[in-house]
C-alpha atoms as a PDB file:
ATOM      1  CA  MET A   1       0.000   0.000   0.000  1.00  0.00           C
ATOM      2  CA  SER A   2       1.441   3.377  -0.993  1.00  0.00           C
ATOM      3  CA  GLY A   3       2.576   5.938   1.544  1.00  0.00           C
ATOM      4  CA  ALA A   4       0.019   8.442   0.253  1.00  0.00           C
ATOM      5  CA  VAL A   5      -2.877   6.034   0.832  1.00  0.00           C
ATOM      6  CA  ILE A   6      -1.597   5.086   4.295  1.00  0.00           C
ATOM      7  CA  GLY A   7      -1.295   8.766   5.202  1.00  0.00           C
ATOM      8  CA  LEU A   8      -4.811   9.556   3.976  1.00  0.00           C
ATOM      9  CA  VAL A   9      -6.308   6.614   5.873  1.00  0.00           C
ATOM     10  CA  LEU A  10      -4.543   7.501   9.132  1.00  0.00           C
ATOM     11  CA  VAL A  11      -5.507  11.183   8.982  1.00  0.00           C
ATOM     12  CA  SER A  12      -9.055  10.132   8.141  1.00  0.00           C
ATOM     13  CA  ALA A  13      -9.072   7.730  11.102  1.00  0.00           C
ATOM     14  CA  VAL A  14      -8.116  10.501  13.517  1.00  0.00           C
ATOM     15  CA  MET A  15     -10.861  12.759  12.156  1.00  0.00           C
ATOM     16  CA  HIS A  16     -13.371   9.921  12.292  1.00  0.00           C
ATOM     17  CA  ALA A  17     -12.611   9.112  15.927  1.00  0.00           C
ATOM     18  CA  VAL A  18     -12.886  12.765  16.942  1.00  0.00           C
ATOM     19  CA  TRP A  19     -16.256  13.401  15.308  1.00  0.00           C
ATOM     20  CA  ASN A  20     -17.638  10.183  16.821  1.00  0.00           C
ATOM     21  CA  LEU A  21     -16.479  11.355  20.241  1.00  0.00           C
ATOM     22  CA  LEU A  22     -18.233  14.662  19.601  1.00  0.00           C
ATOM     23  CA  VAL A  23     -21.461  12.744  18.949  1.00  0.00           C
ATOM     24  CA  ARG A  24     -20.853  10.822  22.193  1.00  0.00           C
ATOM     25  CA  GLY A  25     -20.746  14.125  24.115  1.00  0.00           C
ATOM     26  CA  ARG A  26     -23.578  15.836  25.908  1.00  0.00           C
ATOM     27  CA  GLY A  27     -27.061  16.301  24.508  1.00  0.00           C
ATOM     28  CA  ASP A  28     -29.259  14.187  22.242  1.00  0.00           C
ATOM     29  CA  LYS A  29     -27.259  12.051  19.815  1.00  0.00           C
ATOM     30  CA  GLN A  30     -29.961  11.996  17.124  1.00  0.00           C
ATOM     31  CA  THR A  31     -30.147  15.792  17.127  1.00  0.00           C
ATOM     32  CA  MET A  32     -26.363  16.013  16.958  1.00  0.00           C
ATOM     33  CA  VAL A  33     -26.165  13.717  13.919  1.00  0.00           C
ATOM     34  CA  TYR A  34     -29.060  15.451  12.151  1.00  0.00           C
ATOM     35  CA  ARG A  35     -27.591  18.923  12.620  1.00  0.00           C
ATOM     36  CA  MET A  36     -24.192  17.683  11.450  1.00  0.00           C
ATOM     37  CA  LEU A  37     -25.705  16.372   8.212  1.00  0.00           C
ATOM     38  CA  LEU A  38     -27.898  19.443   7.820  1.00  0.00           C
ATOM     39  CA  ILE A  39     -24.826  21.684   7.943  1.00  0.00           C
ATOM     40  CA  ILE A  40     -23.112  19.560   5.279  1.00  0.00           C
ATOM     41  CA  ALA A  41     -26.212  19.629   3.055  1.00  0.00           C
ATOM     42  CA  PHE A  42     -26.687  23.400   3.170  1.00  0.00           C
ATOM     43  CA  GLY A  43     -23.006  24.310   3.355  1.00  0.00           C
ATOM     44  CA  GLY A  44     -22.071  22.286   0.273  1.00  0.00           C
ATOM     45  CA  LEU A  45     -25.186  22.958  -1.802  1.00  0.00           C
ATOM     46  CA  VAL A  46     -23.988  25.810  -4.027  1.00  0.00           C
ATOM     47  CA  PRO A  47     -20.421  24.608  -4.760  1.00  0.00           C
ATOM     48  CA  SER A  48     -21.545  21.010  -5.326  1.00  0.00           C
ATOM     49  CA  VAL A  49     -24.401  21.895  -7.677  1.00  0.00           C
ATOM     50  CA  ILE A  50     -22.335  24.404  -9.658  1.00  0.00           C
ATOM     51  CA  SER A  51     -19.318  22.105  -9.998  1.00  0.00           C
ATOM     52  CA  GLU A  52     -21.508  19.158 -11.017  1.00  0.00           C
ATOM     53  CA  TRP A  53     -23.345  21.327 -13.549  1.00  0.00           C
ATOM     54  CA  THR A  54     -19.951  22.166 -15.050  1.00  0.00           C
ATOM     55  CA  ALA A  55     -18.296  18.747 -14.847  1.00  0.00           C
ATOM     56  CA  ARG A  56     -21.327  16.462 -15.404  1.00  0.00           C
ATOM     57  CA  SER A  57     -19.455  13.585 -13.739  1.00  0.00           C
ATOM     58  CA  MET A  58     -22.457  11.969 -12.005  1.00  0.00           C
ATOM     59  CA  THR A  59     -23.771   9.341 -14.411  1.00  0.00           C
ATOM     60  CA  PRO A  60     -27.257   7.834 -13.860  1.00  0.00           C
ATOM     61  CA  THR A  61     -25.589   4.799 -12.278  1.00  0.00           C
ATOM     62  CA  LEU A  62     -23.600   6.978  -9.865  1.00  0.00           C
ATOM     63  CA  TRP A  63     -26.752   8.879  -8.888  1.00  0.00           C
ATOM     64  CA  LEU A  64     -28.488   5.604  -8.053  1.00  0.00           C
ATOM     65  CA  ILE A  65     -25.517   4.311  -6.060  1.00  0.00           C
ATOM     66  CA  ALA A  66     -25.153   7.604  -4.172  1.00  0.00           C
ATOM     67  CA  ALA A  67     -28.840   7.533  -3.263  1.00  0.00           C
ATOM     68  CA  GLY A  68     -28.806   3.902  -2.119  1.00  0.00           C
ATOM     69  CA  ALA A  69     -25.531   4.161  -0.220  1.00  0.00           C
ATOM     70  CA  GLY A  70     -26.687   7.448   1.305  1.00  0.00           C
ATOM     71  CA  VAL A  71     -29.846   5.834   2.669  1.00  0.00           C
ATOM     72  CA  ALA A  72     -27.762   3.007   4.174  1.00  0.00           C
ATOM     73  CA  ASN A  73     -25.403   5.575   5.696  1.00  0.00           C
ATOM     74  CA  GLY A  74     -28.337   7.543   7.099  1.00  0.00           C
ATOM     75  CA  LEU A  75     -29.655   4.397   8.776  1.00  0.00           C
ATOM     76  CA  TYR A  76     -26.120   3.800  10.084  1.00  0.00           C
ATOM     77  CA  TYR A  77     -26.132   7.239  11.722  1.00  0.00           C
ATOM     78  CA  VAL A  78     -29.522   6.592  13.349  1.00  0.00           C
ATOM     79  CA  CYS A  79     -28.425   3.204  14.697  1.00  0.00           C
ATOM     80  CA  MET A  80     -25.054   4.554  15.830  1.00  0.00           C
ATOM     81  CA  ALA A  81     -26.706   7.411  17.724  1.00  0.00           C
ATOM     82  CA  ARG A  82     -29.113   4.999  19.430  1.00  0.00           C
ATOM     83  CA  SER A  83     -26.190   2.748  20.386  1.00  0.00           C
ATOM     84  CA  LEU A  84     -24.163   5.613  21.863  1.00  0.00           C
ATOM     85  CA  ALA A  85     -27.188   6.730  23.870  1.00  0.00           C
ATOM     86  CA  ALA A  86     -27.461   3.280  25.484  1.00  0.00           C
ATOM     87  CA  ALA A  87     -23.840   2.109  25.949  1.00  0.00           C
ATOM     88  CA  ASP A  88     -20.366   3.520  26.461  1.00  0.00           C
ATOM     89  CA  PHE A  89     -18.161   4.584  23.561  1.00  0.00           C
ATOM     90  CA  GLY A  90     -15.559   1.862  24.213  1.00  0.00           C
ATOM     91  CA  THR A  91     -18.219  -0.790  23.627  1.00  0.00           C
ATOM     92  CA  VAL A  92     -20.169   0.702  20.736  1.00  0.00           C
ATOM     93  CA  PHE A  93     -17.379   2.007  18.518  1.00  0.00           C
ATOM     94  CA  PRO A  94     -15.319  -1.219  18.192  1.00  0.00           C
ATOM     95  CA  ILE A  95     -18.387  -3.361  17.464  1.00  0.00           C
ATOM     96  CA  ILE A  96     -19.967  -1.193  14.788  1.00  0.00           C
ATOM     97  CA  ARG A  97     -16.592  -0.581  13.129  1.00  0.00           C
ATOM     98  CA  GLY A  98     -15.057  -4.036  13.651  1.00  0.00           C
ATOM     99  CA  LEU A  99     -17.851  -6.384  12.587  1.00  0.00           C
ATOM    100  CA  PRO A 100     -17.893  -5.133   8.966  1.00  0.00           C
ATOM    101  CA  VAL A 101     -14.163  -5.844   8.401  1.00  0.00           C
ATOM    102  CA  VAL A 102     -14.539  -9.480   7.315  1.00  0.00           C
ATOM    103  CA  LEU A 103     -17.913  -8.874   5.630  1.00  0.00           C
ATOM    104  CA  ILE A 104     -16.452  -6.143   3.427  1.00  0.00           C
ATOM    105  CA  ALA A 105     -13.512  -8.430   2.605  1.00  0.00           C
ATOM    106  CA  LEU A 106     -16.037 -11.080   1.518  1.00  0.00           C
ATOM    107  CA  GLY A 107     -17.557  -8.402  -0.705  1.00  0.00           C
ATOM    108  CA  ASP A 108     -14.124  -8.005  -2.300  1.00  0.00           C
ATOM    109  CA  VAL A 109     -14.080 -11.777  -2.889  1.00  0.00           C
ATOM    110  CA  ALA A 110     -17.484 -11.568  -4.580  1.00  0.00           C
ATOM    111  CA  MET A 111     -16.137  -8.843  -6.885  1.00  0.00           C
ATOM    112  CA  GLY A 112     -13.166 -11.024  -7.854  1.00  0.00           C
ATOM    113  CA  ARG A 113     -10.564  -9.182  -5.752  1.00  0.00           C
ATOM    114  CA  PRO A 114      -9.870 -11.461  -2.759  1.00  0.00           C
ATOM    115  CA  PRO A 115      -7.338 -10.410  -0.104  1.00  0.00           C
ATOM    116  CA  SER A 116      -3.990 -12.197  -0.041  1.00  0.00           C
ATOM    117  CA  PRO A 117      -3.213 -14.726   2.759  1.00  0.00           C
ATOM    118  CA  VAL A 118      -1.310 -12.024   4.648  1.00  0.00           C
ATOM    119  CA  GLY A 119      -4.207  -9.669   4.014  1.00  0.00           C
ATOM    120  CA  TRP A 120      -6.673 -12.141   5.542  1.00  0.00           C
ATOM    121  CA  LEU A 121      -4.398 -12.574   8.573  1.00  0.00           C
ATOM    122  CA  ALA A 122      -4.210  -8.815   9.030  1.00  0.00           C
ATOM    123  CA  LEU A 123      -7.982  -8.371   8.703  1.00  0.00           C
ATOM    124  CA  LEU A 124      -8.623 -11.182  11.197  1.00  0.00           C
ATOM    125  CA  MET A 125      -6.214  -9.519  13.659  1.00  0.00           C
ATOM    126  CA  VAL A 126      -8.117  -6.262  13.273  1.00  0.00           C
ATOM    127  CA  THR A 127     -11.383  -8.125  13.849  1.00  0.00           C
ATOM    128  CA  GLY A 128      -9.917  -9.876  16.911  1.00  0.00           C
ATOM    129  CA  GLY A 129      -8.819  -6.555  18.340  1.00  0.00           C
ATOM    130  CA  CYS A 130     -12.280  -5.133  17.763  1.00  0.00           C
ATOM    131  CA  THR A 131     -13.729  -8.159  19.572  1.00  0.00           C
ATOM    132  CA  LEU A 132     -11.578  -7.540  22.653  1.00  0.00           C
ATOM    133  CA  THR A 133     -12.069  -3.803  23.022  1.00  0.00           C
ATOM    134  CA  PRO A 134     -15.698  -3.949  24.276  1.00  0.00           C
ATOM    135  CA  GLN A 135     -14.605  -6.156  27.220  1.00  0.00           C
ATOM    136  CA  GLU A 136     -13.905  -4.653  30.642  1.00  0.00           C
ATOM    137  CA  SER A 137     -11.191  -7.064  31.875  1.00  0.00           C
ATOM    138  CA  PHE A 138      -9.504 -10.361  30.997  1.00  0.00           C
ATOM    139  CA  GLY A 139     -10.920 -11.872  34.182  1.00  0.00           C
ATOM    140  CA  SER A 140     -14.496 -11.174  33.183  1.00  0.00           C
ATOM    141  CA  LEU A 141     -14.501 -12.047  29.478  1.00  0.00           C
ATOM    142  CA  SER A 142     -18.130 -12.655  28.594  1.00  0.00           C
ATOM    143  CA  HIS A 143     -20.570 -12.543  25.701  1.00  0.00           C
ATOM    144  CA  HIS A 144     -22.757 -10.366  27.921  1.00  0.00           C
ATOM    145  CA  HIS A 145     -20.508  -7.419  27.049  1.00  0.00           C
ATOM    146  CA  TYR A 146     -21.770  -7.723  23.475  1.00  0.00           C
ATOM    147  CA  TRP A 147     -25.390  -8.677  24.100  1.00  0.00           C
ATOM    148  CA  ARG A 148     -27.135  -5.850  25.908  1.00  0.00           C
ATOM    149  CA  ARG A 149     -29.957  -3.402  25.365  1.00  0.00           C
ATOM    150  CA  SER A 150     -28.054  -1.601  22.614  1.00  0.00           C
ATOM    151  CA  SER A 151     -26.807  -4.754  20.838  1.00  0.00           C
ATOM    152  CA  LEU A 152     -29.462  -4.815  18.138  1.00  0.00           C
ATOM    153  CA  TRP A 153     -28.728  -1.177  17.320  1.00  0.00           C
ATOM    154  CA  MET A 154     -25.000  -1.952  17.117  1.00  0.00           C
ATOM    155  CA  LEU A 155     -25.572  -4.959  14.846  1.00  0.00           C
ATOM    156  CA  ALA A 156     -27.869  -2.882  12.648  1.00  0.00           C
ATOM    157  CA  ALA A 157     -25.236  -0.126  12.448  1.00  0.00           C
ATOM    158  CA  ALA A 158     -22.573  -2.660  11.431  1.00  0.00           C
ATOM    159  CA  ALA A 159     -24.850  -4.064   8.719  1.00  0.00           C
ATOM    160  CA  CYS A 160     -25.571  -0.567   7.420  1.00  0.00           C
ATOM    161  CA  ALA A 161     -21.824   0.154   7.321  1.00  0.00           C
ATOM    162  CA  VAL A 162     -21.389  -2.778   4.941  1.00  0.00           C
ATOM    163  CA  GLY A 163     -24.450  -1.546   3.055  1.00  0.00           C
ATOM    164  CA  TYR A 164     -22.847   1.766   2.134  1.00  0.00           C
ATOM    165  CA  THR A 165     -19.167   0.774   1.937  1.00  0.00           C
ATOM    166  CA  ILE A 166     -19.416  -1.794  -0.860  1.00  0.00           C
ATOM    167  CA  PRO A 167     -21.563   0.479  -3.095  1.00  0.00           C
ATOM    168  CA  ASP A 168     -19.208   3.403  -2.414  1.00  0.00           C
ATOM    169  CA  LYS A 169     -16.238   1.305  -3.516  1.00  0.00           C
ATOM    170  CA  LEU A 170     -18.153   0.277  -6.644  1.00  0.00           C
ATOM    171  CA  ALA A 171     -18.937   3.932  -7.368  1.00  0.00           C
ATOM    172  CA  MET A 172     -15.289   4.941  -7.061  1.00  0.00           C
ATOM    173  CA  ASP A 173     -14.357   2.165  -9.509  1.00  0.00           C
ATOM    174  CA  LEU A 174     -16.808   3.631 -12.031  1.00  0.00           C
ATOM    175  CA  ILE A 175     -15.358   7.156 -11.925  1.00  0.00           C
ATOM    176  CA  ARG A 176     -13.142   7.986 -14.885  1.00  0.00           C
ATOM    177  CA  GLY A 177     -10.667  10.780 -15.649  1.00  0.00           C
ATOM    178  CA  ASP A 178      -7.273  11.947 -14.424  1.00  0.00           C
ATOM    179  CA  ALA A 179      -6.391  12.147 -10.726  1.00  0.00           C
ATOM    180  CA  GLN A 180      -7.661  15.708 -10.252  1.00  0.00           C
ATOM    181  CA  MET A 181     -10.962  15.001 -12.004  1.00  0.00           C
ATOM    182  CA  ALA A 182     -11.396  11.778 -10.025  1.00  0.00           C
ATOM    183  CA  VAL A 183     -10.950  13.596  -6.711  1.00  0.00           C
ATOM    184  CA  GLY A 184     -13.477  16.250  -7.728  1.00  0.00           C
ATOM    185  CA  SER A 185     -15.951  13.554  -8.741  1.00  0.00           C
ATOM    186  CA  ALA A 186     -15.430  11.777  -5.413  1.00  0.00           C
ATOM    187  CA  LEU A 187     -16.149  14.981  -3.478  1.00  0.00           C
ATOM    188  CA  ARG A 188     -19.370  15.597  -5.396  1.00  0.00           C
ATOM    189  CA  TYR A 189     -20.426  11.980  -4.983  1.00  0.00           C
ATOM    190  CA  GLN A 190     -19.743  12.266  -1.251  1.00  0.00           C
ATOM    191  CA  TYR A 191     -21.886  15.383  -0.999  1.00  0.00           C
ATOM    192  CA  PHE A 192     -24.918  13.899  -2.758  1.00  0.00           C
ATOM    193  CA  HIS A 193     -24.460  10.675  -0.774  1.00  0.00           C
ATOM    194  CA  LEU A 194     -24.643  12.668   2.483  1.00  0.00           C
ATOM    195  CA  VAL A 195     -27.690  14.617   1.300  1.00  0.00           C
ATOM    196  CA  ALA A 196     -29.464  11.266   0.944  1.00  0.00           C
ATOM    197  CA  SER A 197     -28.200  10.383   4.429  1.00  0.00           C
ATOM    198  CA  MET A 198     -29.564  13.642   5.835  1.00  0.00           C
ATOM    199  CA  LEU A 199     -32.996  13.056   4.311  1.00  0.00           C
ATOM    200  CA  THR A 200     -33.015   9.527   5.742  1.00  0.00           C
ATOM    201  CA  VAL A 201     -32.093  10.739   9.228  1.00  0.00           C
ATOM    202  CA  ALA A 202     -34.689  13.521   8.944  1.00  0.00           C
ATOM    203  CA  VAL A 203     -37.451  10.974   8.349  1.00  0.00           C
ATOM    204  CA  VAL A 204     -36.355   7.960  10.410  1.00  0.00           C
ATOM    205  CA  GLY A 205     -35.080   9.866  13.445  1.00  0.00           C
ATOM    206  CA  ARG A 206     -37.843  12.470  13.629  1.00  0.00           C
ATOM    207  CA  ARG A 207     -39.771  10.906  16.520  1.00  0.00           C
ATOM    208  CA  MET A 208     -36.602  10.465  18.592  1.00  0.00           C
ATOM    209  CA  ARG A 209     -35.570  14.087  18.016  1.00  0.00           C
ATOM    210  CA  THR A 210     -39.058  15.271  19.009  1.00  0.00           C
ATOM    211  CA  ARG A 211     -38.804  13.400  22.307  1.00  0.00           C
ATOM    212  CA  ALA A 212     -35.361  14.869  22.946  1.00  0.00           C
ATOM    213  CA  ALA A 213     -36.624  18.384  22.235  1.00  0.00           C
ATOM    214  CA  ALA A 214     -39.491  17.901  24.690  1.00  0.00           C
ATOM    215  CA  ALA A 215     -37.002  16.770  27.332  1.00  0.00           C
ATOM    216  CA  GLY A 216     -34.749  19.776  26.687  1.00  0.00           C
ATOM    217  CA  GLU A 217     -31.830  17.631  25.499  1.00  0.00           C
ATOM    218  CA  SER A 218     -31.637  19.299  22.082  1.00  0.00           C
ATOM    219  CA  LYS A 219     -30.648  22.615  23.661  1.00  0.00           C
ATOM    220  CA  LEU A 220     -27.439  21.016  24.932  1.00  0.00           C
ATOM    221  CA  VAL A 221     -26.300  20.223  21.385  1.00  0.00           C
ATOM    222  CA  GLY A 222     -26.145  23.729  19.918  1.00  0.00           C
ATOM    223  CA  TRP A 223     -24.690  24.284  16.452  1.00  0.00           C
ATOM    224  CA  ALA A 224     -20.955  24.824  16.974  1.00  0.00           C
ATOM    225  CA  ILE A 225     -20.128  21.188  17.818  1.00  0.00           C
ATOM    226  CA  PRO A 226     -22.253  19.801  14.950  1.00  0.00           C
ATOM    227  CA  ALA A 227     -20.456  22.224  12.602  1.00  0.00           C
ATOM    228  CA  LEU A 228     -17.065  20.913  13.727  1.00  0.00           C
ATOM    229  CA  ALA A 229     -18.293  17.327  13.400  1.00  0.00           C
ATOM    230  CA  ALA A 230     -19.604  18.116   9.903  1.00  0.00           C
ATOM    231  CA  ALA A 231     -16.219  19.391   8.735  1.00  0.00           C
ATOM    232  CA  LEU A 232     -14.428  16.366  10.190  1.00  0.00           C
ATOM    233  CA  ASN A 233     -16.987  13.901   8.836  1.00  0.00           C
ATOM    234  CA  PHE A 234     -16.954  15.213   5.272  1.00  0.00           C
ATOM    235  CA  SER A 235     -13.172  15.545   5.157  1.00  0.00           C
ATOM    236  CA  ALA A 236     -12.542  12.114   6.674  1.00  0.00           C
ATOM    237  CA  TYR A 237     -14.765  10.133   4.343  1.00  0.00           C
ATOM    238  CA  SER A 238     -13.713  12.109   1.273  1.00  0.00           C
ATOM    239  CA  MET A 239     -10.172  10.896   1.954  1.00  0.00           C
ATOM    240  CA  ILE A 240     -11.448   7.321   2.149  1.00  0.00           C
ATOM    241  CA  LEU A 241     -13.230   7.645  -1.191  1.00  0.00           C
ATOM    242  CA  VAL A 242      -9.971   8.804  -2.768  1.00  0.00           C
ATOM    243  CA  CYS A 243      -8.267   5.738  -1.253  1.00  0.00           C
ATOM    244  CA  TYR A 244     -10.967   3.503  -2.759  1.00  0.00           C
ATOM    245  CA  GLN A 245      -9.939   4.869  -6.155  1.00  0.00           C
ATOM    246  CA  ARG A 246      -6.345   3.778  -5.573  1.00  0.00           C
ATOM    247  CA  VAL A 247      -6.727   0.427  -3.756  1.00  0.00           C
ATOM    248  CA  ALA A 248      -8.470  -2.567  -5.322  1.00  0.00           C
ATOM    249  CA  GLN A 249      -9.838  -4.040  -2.081  1.00  0.00           C
ATOM    250  CA  ALA A 250     -12.216  -2.000   0.082  1.00  0.00           C
ATOM    251  CA  GLY A 251     -11.547  -4.432   2.945  1.00  0.00           C
ATOM    252  CA  TYR A 252      -7.941  -3.277   3.258  1.00  0.00           C
ATOM    253  CA  VAL A 253      -8.963   0.367   3.460  1.00  0.00           C
ATOM    254  CA  TRP A 254     -11.711  -0.422   5.980  1.00  0.00           C
ATOM    255  CA  GLY A 255      -9.260  -2.481   8.057  1.00  0.00           C
ATOM    256  CA  MET A 256      -6.734   0.357   8.089  1.00  0.00           C
ATOM    257  CA  ARG A 257      -9.497   2.786   9.064  1.00  0.00           C
ATOM    258  CA  GLN A 258      -9.924   0.944  12.343  1.00  0.00           C
ATOM    259  CA  PHE A 259      -6.963   2.873  13.669  1.00  0.00           C
ATOM    260  CA  SER A 260      -9.803   5.196  14.660  1.00  0.00           C
ATOM    261  CA  ILE A 261     -10.774   2.553  17.244  1.00  0.00           C
ATOM    262  CA  VAL A 262      -7.294   2.729  18.763  1.00  0.00           C
ATOM    263  CA  ILE A 263      -7.590   6.505  19.002  1.00  0.00           C
ATOM    264  CA  GLY A 264     -11.184   6.348  20.199  1.00  0.00           C
ATOM    265  CA  VAL A 265     -10.462   3.811  22.937  1.00  0.00           C
ATOM    266  CA  VAL A 266      -7.563   5.854  24.294  1.00  0.00           C
ATOM    267  CA  LEU A 267      -9.571   9.087  24.196  1.00  0.00           C
ATOM    268  CA  ALA A 268     -12.524   7.330  25.851  1.00  0.00           C
ATOM    269  CA  PHE A 269     -10.257   6.532  28.806  1.00  0.00           C
ATOM    270  CA  VAL A 270      -9.071  10.125  29.007  1.00  0.00           C
ATOM    271  CA  VAL A 271     -12.315  11.997  28.275  1.00  0.00           C
ATOM    272  CA  PHE A 272     -15.051   9.710  29.605  1.00  0.00           C
ATOM    273  CA  LYS A 273     -13.014   7.776  32.235  1.00  0.00           C
ATOM    274  CA  GLU A 274     -14.227   4.436  30.867  1.00  0.00           C
ATOM    275  CA  ARG A 275     -13.002   1.128  32.320  1.00  0.00           C
ATOM    276  CA  GLY A 276     -11.115  -1.863  30.895  1.00  0.00           C
ATOM    277  CA  ARG A 277      -7.737  -0.420  30.044  1.00  0.00           C
ATOM    278  CA  ALA A 278      -5.746  -3.686  29.927  1.00  0.00           C
ATOM    279  CA  VAL A 279      -8.069  -5.686  27.694  1.00  0.00           C
ATOM    280  CA  ARG A 280      -9.018  -2.756  25.491  1.00  0.00           C
ATOM    281  CA  LEU A 281      -5.425  -1.677  24.975  1.00  0.00           C
ATOM    282  CA  THR A 282      -4.580  -5.290  24.047  1.00  0.00           C
ATOM    283  CA  GLY A 283      -7.314  -5.110  21.444  1.00  0.00           C
ATOM    284  CA  ALA A 284      -5.873  -1.819  20.237  1.00  0.00           C
ATOM    285  CA  VAL A 285      -2.441  -3.451  19.853  1.00  0.00           C
ATOM    286  CA  LEU A 286      -3.937  -6.272  17.750  1.00  0.00           C
ATOM    287  CA  ILE A 287      -5.627  -3.722  15.509  1.00  0.00           C
ATOM    288  CA  THR A 288      -2.366  -1.809  15.152  1.00  0.00           C
ATOM    289  CA  VAL A 289      -0.374  -4.940  14.246  1.00  0.00           C
ATOM    290  CA  GLY A 290      -2.997  -5.850  11.649  1.00  0.00           C
ATOM    291  CA  MET A 291      -2.701  -2.357  10.203  1.00  0.00           C
ATOM    292  CA  VAL A 292       1.087  -2.638  10.023  1.00  0.00           C
ATOM    293  CA  LEU A 293       0.769  -5.927   8.117  1.00  0.00           C
ATOM    294  CA  ILE A 294      -1.578  -4.284   5.625  1.00  0.00           C
ATOM    295  CA  ALA A 295       0.706  -1.278   5.247  1.00  0.00           C
ATOM    296  CA  LEU A 296       3.890  -3.309   4.744  1.00  0.00           C
ATOM    297  CA  PHE A 297       2.793  -6.391   2.820  1.00  0.00           C
ATOM    298  CA  VAL A 298      -0.325  -5.426   0.875  1.00  0.00           C
ATOM    299  CA  LYS A 299       0.111  -3.847  -2.549  1.00  0.00           C
END
């Protein structure tokens, strides 16, 4: 894997972990996610429409993929917000990010681009690390740490992550043109994808936001934090889309992205004083080793 791709994935991972921690902060999570997407939709409207009118890079197929993947991503945001409202960050984040690793790799197999043996080993190490990080100690390893009130929301979020990642990779494979044109097309695709996500969250999460507003939780969210999360979110995933254009297997990119779990787990200890340092840091080490294998031995 090239140094440029590794750098983009790592920077994206940091941004991704930070905006997820912002969602985990005070106030209603559904309102936070909705305002974040609303800011992206309105903030990017004029430049995205004008640049697409000029470039005409969105083919009918890309429009359909952006709409479908955007709906899946919107459902992911709803499920993620529900999960974070019911469980701690150190439990939710590794599960919803770790479970899709192998599933996305199987998607690569279905598209005729299977990972190498070393690639499979690396992805399984990342998955193993993600499996450990929700635990609270080695002495109390239990399936109960996965199966709780928020488990169905976490599983749904993981499924939705697969549901938008594979189509996004397919879309990036369909984009043509030189490097500069391809990046511009990826940014426009990302914008229209997130507009579909915003509309999905607006409809699906409406009742939950209404309840939060009645309870006064929406006032705690404000607009400054969602604006920061919006900038981080859009920038982080735009980098990933560019990486999808340069790497054949989406599973490798997704596996490398889980460096955000390492960052998120450490920050969860510092910011939210969550428990389970030994077992969760062990999981973080496994994820890191898997990432190193991908970086060094995967082309």
